[in-house]
Protein backbone atom coordinates (compact mmCIF):
# COMPACT_ATOMS: atom_id res chain seq x y z
CA MET A 1 43.28 141.70 104.49
CA ALA A 2 41.68 144.80 104.63
CA PRO A 3 40.10 145.91 108.13
CA THR A 4 36.12 145.83 108.70
CA GLU A 5 34.52 147.48 111.48
CA THR A 6 33.90 144.44 113.80
CA GLY A 7 34.64 140.76 113.86
CA SER A 8 32.73 138.50 116.41
CA ALA A 9 32.90 134.90 117.02
CA SER A 10 32.48 132.40 119.75
CA ALA A 11 33.70 128.82 120.63
CA PRO A 12 32.30 126.01 123.06
CA ALA A 13 34.01 124.39 125.93
CA SER A 14 34.81 120.79 125.63
CA SER A 15 35.50 117.57 127.43
CA ALA A 16 38.30 115.24 126.07
CA ASN A 17 39.26 111.89 126.29
CA LEU A 18 36.06 110.62 127.93
CA GLY A 19 38.03 108.05 129.48
CA PRO A 20 40.12 106.00 127.16
CA GLY A 21 39.89 108.00 124.09
CA PHE A 22 43.20 109.89 124.98
CA ASP A 23 43.80 112.79 122.42
CA CYS A 24 41.44 111.46 119.80
CA LEU A 25 37.73 111.79 121.11
CA ALA A 26 36.16 115.12 122.69
CA VAL A 27 32.51 116.47 123.19
CA ALA A 28 31.74 120.07 122.82
CA LEU A 29 29.85 121.70 125.71
CA GLU A 30 27.33 124.51 125.63
CA LEU A 31 29.72 126.86 127.65
CA ARG A 32 31.30 129.58 125.33
CA CYS A 33 34.02 132.04 125.04
CA ARG A 34 32.88 135.09 123.08
CA VAL A 35 35.23 137.28 121.44
CA GLU A 36 34.75 140.77 119.51
CA ALA A 37 37.62 142.06 117.58
CA VAL A 38 37.80 145.68 116.29
CA PRO A 39 40.95 147.22 114.37
CA ALA A 40 42.74 149.52 116.62
CA ALA A 41 45.91 151.36 116.76
CA SER A 42 47.43 149.08 119.08
CA TRP A 43 47.02 145.57 120.71
CA ARG A 44 44.55 145.42 123.69
CA VAL A 45 42.44 143.02 125.49
CA GLU A 46 39.42 143.61 127.79
CA HIS A 47 37.96 140.61 129.78
CA ASP A 48 34.57 140.54 131.23
CA GLY A 49 32.99 138.06 133.46
CA ASP A 50 33.71 135.78 136.35
CA GLN A 51 36.00 133.41 134.21
CA ARG A 52 38.51 135.88 133.02
CA HIS A 53 42.37 135.64 132.09
CA ASP A 54 44.29 136.21 135.42
CA GLY A 55 47.32 137.49 133.86
CA ALA A 56 49.70 134.95 135.17
CA THR A 57 49.86 133.20 131.76
CA ASP A 58 49.83 134.09 128.04
CA ASP A 59 46.47 135.13 126.91
CA ALA A 60 45.24 132.64 124.68
CA VAL A 61 42.69 135.19 122.98
CA LEU A 62 45.48 137.44 122.08
CA ALA A 63 47.82 134.96 121.10
CA ALA A 64 45.38 133.12 118.50
CA ALA A 65 44.41 136.56 117.00
CA GLN A 66 48.21 137.39 116.41
CA ARG A 67 48.71 134.28 114.90
CA ALA A 68 46.04 134.54 112.91
CA VAL A 69 46.23 138.02 111.19
CA GLY A 70 49.92 138.59 112.13
CA GLU A 71 51.21 141.25 114.79
CA ASP A 72 51.22 144.02 112.58
CA ARG A 73 47.56 144.09 112.23
CA PRO A 74 46.48 145.21 115.91
CA LEU A 75 43.09 144.74 117.36
CA LEU A 76 40.94 145.69 120.41
CA LEU A 77 39.75 142.24 121.47
CA ARG A 78 36.69 142.02 123.92
CA VAL A 79 36.36 138.72 125.70
CA GLU A 80 33.22 137.33 127.38
CA ASN A 81 34.09 133.75 128.74
CA GLN A 82 31.83 131.52 130.50
CA ILE A 83 34.40 128.53 130.78
CA PRO A 84 36.33 127.68 133.89
CA ILE A 85 39.68 128.13 133.23
CA GLY A 86 42.37 125.46 134.18
CA ARG A 87 39.82 122.85 134.86
CA GLY A 88 40.09 120.30 132.01
CA LEU A 89 37.12 122.10 130.07
CA GLY A 90 38.89 123.20 126.95
CA SER A 91 38.98 126.81 127.79
CA SER A 92 42.28 127.38 126.06
CA ALA A 93 40.82 125.68 122.77
CA ALA A 94 37.85 127.70 122.90
CA ALA A 95 39.82 131.02 123.31
CA HIS A 96 42.02 129.90 120.65
CA ALA A 97 39.41 129.28 118.17
CA ALA A 98 37.23 132.24 119.20
CA GLY A 99 40.21 134.59 119.22
CA ALA A 100 41.52 133.62 115.81
CA LEU A 101 38.11 133.58 114.11
CA ALA A 102 36.99 136.76 115.44
CA ALA A 103 40.62 138.47 114.08
CA TRP A 104 40.14 136.89 110.75
CA ARG A 105 36.71 138.42 110.49
CA ALA A 106 37.77 141.80 111.74
CA TYR A 107 40.09 141.89 108.62
CA GLY A 108 37.55 140.54 106.26
CA HIS A 109 38.55 136.85 106.12
CA GLU A 110 36.47 133.91 106.65
CA PRO A 111 38.50 130.80 107.07
CA SER A 112 37.54 127.26 106.27
CA ARG A 113 36.78 124.96 109.36
CA LEU A 114 39.91 123.09 108.54
CA ARG A 115 42.07 126.09 108.61
CA LEU A 116 40.80 127.15 111.82
CA PHE A 117 41.26 123.70 113.26
CA GLU A 118 44.82 123.41 112.13
CA LEU A 119 45.76 126.84 113.72
CA VAL A 120 43.99 125.73 116.98
CA ALA A 121 45.41 122.39 117.20
CA GLY A 122 48.91 123.53 116.47
CA MET A 123 48.56 126.20 119.27
CA GLU A 124 47.00 123.50 121.74
CA GLY A 125 49.56 120.71 120.90
CA HIS A 126 46.90 118.06 120.70
CA PRO A 127 43.87 117.86 118.56
CA ASP A 128 40.97 116.59 120.69
CA ASN A 129 39.62 119.87 122.22
CA ALA A 130 40.53 121.71 119.10
CA ALA A 131 38.36 119.65 116.93
CA ALA A 132 35.46 119.82 119.60
CA ALA A 133 35.96 123.69 119.63
CA VAL A 134 35.85 124.09 115.94
CA TYR A 135 33.31 121.53 114.82
CA GLY A 136 31.07 121.06 117.58
CA GLY A 137 29.34 117.84 118.93
CA LEU A 138 31.08 114.34 119.50
CA VAL A 139 34.27 114.47 117.40
CA LEU A 140 36.85 111.83 116.63
CA VAL A 141 40.25 112.97 115.22
CA ALA A 142 41.54 110.18 113.09
CA GLY A 143 43.77 111.05 110.16
CA SER A 144 44.11 114.73 109.24
CA GLU A 145 40.70 116.08 109.75
CA PRO A 146 38.09 115.61 112.58
CA HIS A 147 35.04 113.49 111.88
CA ARG A 148 31.68 114.36 113.72
CA LEU A 149 29.83 111.41 115.26
CA PRO A 150 26.13 111.25 116.32
CA TRP A 151 25.64 111.96 120.02
CA ASN A 152 23.02 109.66 121.06
CA PRO A 153 20.40 112.05 123.17
CA VAL A 154 19.82 109.29 125.73
CA TRP A 155 23.01 110.52 127.25
CA ARG A 156 22.90 113.67 129.35
CA LEU A 157 26.21 115.25 130.56
CA VAL A 158 27.02 116.17 134.13
CA LEU A 159 30.19 118.04 135.20
CA ALA A 160 31.85 118.26 138.45
CA VAL A 161 34.06 121.10 138.58
CA PRO A 162 36.30 121.72 141.72
CA ASP A 163 37.64 125.07 142.76
CA SER A 164 41.25 124.12 142.13
CA ARG A 165 42.89 123.88 138.89
CA LEU A 166 45.31 121.43 137.22
CA PRO A 167 47.72 122.77 134.58
CA THR A 168 47.75 120.45 131.56
CA ASN A 169 51.53 120.30 131.42
CA HIS A 170 51.52 119.14 135.03
CA ALA A 171 48.93 116.41 134.17
CA ARG A 172 50.83 115.21 131.05
CA ALA A 173 54.20 115.21 133.10
CA ALA A 174 52.64 112.57 135.29
CA LEU A 175 52.22 110.18 132.23
CA PRO A 176 54.54 107.18 131.55
CA THR A 177 56.64 107.10 128.31
CA SER A 178 55.68 103.60 127.53
CA TYR A 179 52.97 100.99 128.46
CA PRO A 180 52.94 97.20 128.65
CA THR A 181 51.07 95.33 125.67
CA GLU A 182 48.29 94.19 127.96
CA VAL A 183 47.43 97.94 128.99
CA VAL A 184 47.28 99.15 125.28
CA VAL A 185 45.05 95.93 124.46
CA ARG A 186 42.66 96.63 127.28
CA SER A 187 42.81 100.43 126.48
CA LEU A 188 41.68 99.66 122.91
CA ALA A 189 38.71 97.48 124.08
CA ARG A 190 37.62 100.20 126.38
CA THR A 191 37.66 102.92 123.57
CA ALA A 192 35.57 100.56 121.15
CA ALA A 193 33.18 100.29 124.00
CA LEU A 194 32.91 103.77 124.58
CA VAL A 195 32.31 104.84 121.01
CA ALA A 196 29.76 101.98 120.87
CA GLY A 197 27.95 103.01 124.04
CA LEU A 198 27.68 106.72 123.04
CA LEU A 199 26.37 105.86 119.51
CA THR A 200 24.14 103.03 120.65
CA GLY A 201 22.72 104.24 123.98
CA ASP A 202 23.90 100.79 125.59
CA ALA A 203 24.60 101.49 129.24
CA GLU A 204 26.26 98.18 129.49
CA LEU A 205 28.68 99.12 126.70
CA LEU A 206 29.40 102.22 128.15
CA ALA A 207 30.17 101.08 131.50
CA ALA A 208 32.65 98.78 130.03
CA ALA A 209 34.76 101.92 128.98
CA SER A 210 35.37 102.61 132.64
CA GLY A 211 39.06 102.34 134.31
CA ASP A 212 41.32 103.99 132.01
CA GLU A 213 45.10 102.98 132.57
CA LEU A 214 46.72 105.24 130.00
CA HIS A 215 46.20 108.64 131.66
CA GLU A 216 43.63 108.49 134.51
CA GLU A 217 45.55 105.79 136.45
CA PRO A 218 48.95 107.59 136.40
CA ARG A 219 47.37 111.04 137.23
CA ARG A 220 45.26 109.29 140.21
CA ARG A 221 48.76 109.69 142.17
CA ILE A 222 48.67 113.56 141.80
CA ARG A 223 44.99 114.27 142.30
CA PRO A 224 43.44 111.17 143.95
CA ASP A 225 40.15 113.58 144.56
CA VAL A 226 39.45 113.26 141.01
CA THR A 227 39.30 109.57 141.13
CA GLU A 228 36.78 109.98 143.96
CA LEU A 229 34.74 112.07 142.16
CA VAL A 230 34.49 109.50 139.31
CA GLN A 231 33.64 106.96 141.71
CA VAL A 232 31.05 108.99 143.31
CA ALA A 233 29.44 109.44 139.77
CA ARG A 234 29.38 106.06 138.96
CA THR A 235 28.04 104.65 142.06
CA SER A 236 25.18 107.19 142.28
CA GLY A 237 24.10 106.30 138.88
CA ALA A 238 26.10 107.29 135.94
CA ALA A 239 26.65 104.98 133.15
CA HIS A 240 30.07 106.12 132.65
CA ALA A 241 32.27 108.69 134.42
CA ALA A 242 35.85 109.94 133.74
CA TRP A 243 38.40 112.73 134.03
CA SER A 244 37.41 115.81 131.84
CA GLY A 245 40.58 116.32 129.75
CA ALA A 246 43.56 116.56 132.11
CA GLY A 247 41.27 117.28 135.07
CA PRO A 248 40.43 118.07 137.65
CA SER A 249 36.87 118.24 136.32
CA VAL A 250 35.02 115.08 135.93
CA VAL A 251 32.48 114.27 133.31
CA ALA A 252 29.58 111.72 133.73
CA MET A 253 27.30 110.38 130.83
CA VAL A 254 23.86 109.81 132.60
CA ALA A 255 20.43 108.76 131.90
CA ALA A 256 17.75 111.54 132.22
CA ASP A 257 16.15 109.39 135.03
CA ARG A 258 19.13 109.44 136.97
CA ILE A 259 20.51 112.89 136.74
CA ASP A 260 19.15 114.27 140.11
CA LYS A 261 20.85 111.46 142.14
CA VAL A 262 24.06 111.98 140.44
CA VAL A 263 24.14 115.75 140.66
CA ASP A 264 22.97 115.47 144.49
CA ALA A 265 25.89 112.99 145.28
CA LEU A 266 28.54 115.10 143.36
CA ARG A 267 27.41 118.30 145.17
CA ARG A 268 27.58 116.53 148.59
CA HIS A 269 30.88 115.26 147.78
CA LEU A 270 32.52 118.84 146.69
CA ASP A 271 30.98 120.13 149.74
CA GLY A 272 31.20 123.73 148.54
CA ARG A 273 34.55 123.31 146.99
CA GLY A 274 33.31 123.40 143.38
CA ILE A 275 30.08 123.40 141.48
CA VAL A 276 28.14 120.82 139.21
CA LEU A 277 26.95 121.72 135.84
CA ILE A 278 24.68 120.08 133.55
CA PRO A 279 25.51 121.41 130.12
CA ASP A 280 23.81 120.56 126.51
CA VAL A 281 26.21 119.32 124.01
CA ALA A 282 27.18 122.20 121.55
CA THR A 283 26.00 120.88 118.48
CA ALA A 284 27.85 123.96 116.44
CA GLY A 285 31.38 124.78 117.15
CA ALA A 286 33.12 128.11 116.28
CA GLU A 287 30.52 130.20 114.95
């Protein structure tokens, strides 16, 4: 790969699982991580904006860029990130996707979407956020390649984003290693209701998706406040509400005429300890 002047890319945030769709469903959110990559004498990263890498963990943009082009092709990486970090909104998947794509472009290579997805999923360790960050929209990971599903516009998304963080590895450590058959059967029914409700706009079907037992119930012990946010969203008018990814953010699917009530209730409950966002679904993924 020969260097060019600049490679740039962006990738969206995402909300994964959406309740029972554990590790296989996600929706992309119109909050973005943007990366500009310029060939340089040595590797360097410059972060801009409020949502920036804190230096306490490995830099996801840098790691993805080096994975994409190799450590022997150094780049200056300029990062502008809108996605709250460590809140269950796919910030690392977006950083991996934007970092890798910008790095490839800086060296004159335009990868296929599948190649980018495979790199990001490999770095993430699970495919749902990776699929949303790369492909955009509502995605189902079934088999080797993600599938885009139509998002019914009757549903708007409301996010409650607490100030505190919850690392994904801590959230995954709370999960059991096996589940009773009856829990699995109920989870399959909830997943079917979730997909059907999202596609058709049927509020009754979507409501039947609530109450996940695979990951939300086990995680309630470590973050009961997230379960409280889910309940606030549902009782104030959301058709469905769930942990966003590993949390602690909560995502709610809300009809347009109920958005104000849901937003007000979530803001009152957070009481200054977080923010409420109303992002559009990101119809484009990494671009």
